[in-house]
């Protein structure tokens, strides 16, 4: 009977040890689940921030491209005006030259 009691006590001890281990394991599992949930939430927030930044960058690129287009148009218009001014100057120079020649002929 004493052997039986010792054996029973031994198995109860083993059972208690395994139950304690299971409780500890469950506690770790629960903690890890909470950490995972926290990480998921942080990832969600991070993705939202990244999307917002991406959208802001896209908008900025569109704005910059519009500015470049506007500057190109302005530059093209300035070139046209410059050509017109040069043509005007050339015409005035030619007229002045003709007047000088006409005046020189009259003097002869």
Protein backbone atom coordinates (compact mmCIF):
# COMPACT_ATOMS: atom_id res chain seq x y z
CA UNK A 1 0.00 0.00 0.00
CA UNK A 2 2.93 2.30 0.76
CA UNK A 3 4.34 1.77 -2.74
CA UNK A 4 0.95 2.53 -4.21
CA UNK A 5 0.74 5.78 -2.20
CA UNK A 6 4.25 6.79 -3.28
CA UNK A 7 3.45 6.03 -6.89
CA UNK A 8 0.21 7.98 -6.63
CA UNK A 9 2.05 10.95 -5.05
CA UNK A 10 4.66 10.75 -7.81
CA UNK A 11 2.00 10.89 -10.55
CA UNK A 12 0.18 13.74 -8.79
CA UNK A 13 3.43 15.68 -8.64
CA UNK A 14 4.03 15.03 -12.33
CA UNK A 15 0.45 16.05 -13.15
CA UNK A 16 0.81 19.27 -11.11
CA UNK A 17 4.09 20.07 -12.90
CA UNK A 18 2.43 19.51 -16.29
CA UNK A 19 -0.61 21.59 -15.30
CA UNK A 20 1.67 24.40 -14.15
CA UNK A 21 3.57 24.20 -17.44
CA UNK A 22 0.29 24.29 -19.38
CA UNK A 23 -0.88 27.37 -17.44
CA UNK A 24 2.47 29.09 -18.05
CA UNK A 25 2.31 28.15 -21.73
CA UNK A 26 -1.22 29.52 -22.02
CA UNK A 27 -0.14 32.76 -20.34
CA UNK A 28 2.76 33.12 -22.83
CA UNK A 29 0.41 32.34 -25.70
CA UNK A 30 -2.08 34.95 -24.50
CA UNK A 31 0.70 37.54 -24.16
CA UNK A 32 1.98 36.74 -27.66
CA UNK A 33 -1.55 37.06 -29.09
CA UNK A 34 -1.85 40.50 -27.49
CA UNK A 35 1.55 41.52 -28.89
CA UNK A 36 0.55 40.26 -32.33
CA UNK A 37 -2.69 42.26 -32.19
CA UNK A 38 -0.72 45.34 -31.14
CA UNK A 39 1.72 44.82 -34.04
CA UNK A 40 -1.21 44.44 -36.47
CA UNK A 41 -2.68 47.73 -35.25
CA UNK A 42 0.68 49.48 -35.56
CA UNK A 43 1.11 48.08 -39.09
CA UNK A 44 -2.35 49.34 -40.00
CA UNK A 45 -1.50 52.83 -38.73
CA UNK A 46 1.85 52.73 -40.53
CA UNK A 47 0.17 51.74 -43.82
CA UNK A 48 -2.32 54.60 -43.42
CA UNK A 49 0.53 57.08 -42.83
CA UNK A 50 2.46 55.67 -45.81
CA UNK A 51 -0.61 55.99 -48.05
CA UNK A 52 -1.17 59.58 -46.91
CA UNK A 53 2.48 60.44 -47.64
CA UNK A 54 2.29 58.72 -51.04
CA UNK A 55 -0.85 60.69 -51.92
CA UNK A 56 0.80 63.94 -50.80
CA UNK A 57 3.87 63.16 -52.93
CA UNK A 58 1.69 62.40 -55.97
CA UNK A 59 -0.15 65.69 -55.51
CA UNK A 60 3.15 67.56 -55.18
CA UNK A 61 4.51 65.92 -58.36
CA UNK A 62 1.35 66.91 -60.26
CA UNK A 63 1.70 70.47 -58.94
CA UNK A 64 5.38 70.63 -59.94
CA UNK A 65 4.63 69.27 -63.42
CA UNK A 66 1.96 71.95 -63.86
CA UNK A 67 4.47 74.61 -62.80
CA UNK A 68 7.05 73.27 -65.27
CA UNK A 69 4.44 73.32 -68.06
CA UNK A 70 3.50 76.88 -67.20
CA UNK A 71 7.17 77.90 -67.18
CA UNK A 72 7.73 76.18 -70.55
CA UNK A 73 4.78 78.09 -72.03
CA UNK A 74 6.10 81.35 -70.58
CA UNK A 75 9.58 80.62 -71.99
CA UNK A 76 8.11 79.84 -75.43
CA UNK A 77 6.13 83.09 -75.36
CA UNK A 78 9.26 85.04 -74.36
CA UNK A 79 11.14 83.48 -77.31
CA UNK A 80 8.34 84.59 -79.65
CA UNK A 81 8.46 88.11 -78.25
CA UNK A 82 12.24 88.18 -78.55
CA UNK A 83 12.06 87.08 -82.20
CA UNK A 84 9.42 89.72 -82.91
CA UNK A 85 11.59 92.36 -81.24
CA UNK A 86 14.65 91.24 -83.25
CA UNK A 87 12.64 91.33 -86.48
CA UNK A 88 11.41 94.81 -85.56
CA UNK A 89 14.95 95.98 -84.87
CA UNK A 90 16.17 94.51 -88.14
CA UNK A 91 13.38 96.28 -90.01
CA UNK A 92 14.20 99.58 -88.28
CA UNK A 93 17.91 99.11 -89.02
CA UNK A 94 17.13 98.44 -92.69
CA UNK A 95 14.93 101.57 -92.87
CA UNK A 96 17.63 103.65 -91.21
CA UNK A 97 20.23 102.30 -93.65
CA UNK A 98 17.94 103.11 -96.59
CA UNK A 99 17.42 106.66 -95.29
CA UNK A 100 21.17 107.13 -94.87
CA UNK A 101 21.79 105.92 -98.44
CA UNK A 102 19.02 108.18 -99.74
CA UNK A 103 20.48 111.15 -97.84
CA UNK A 104 23.98 110.38 -99.15
CA UNK A 105 22.64 110.24 -102.73
CA UNK A 106 20.91 113.58 -102.27
CA UNK A 107 24.16 115.09 -101.04
CA UNK A 108 25.99 113.88 -104.17
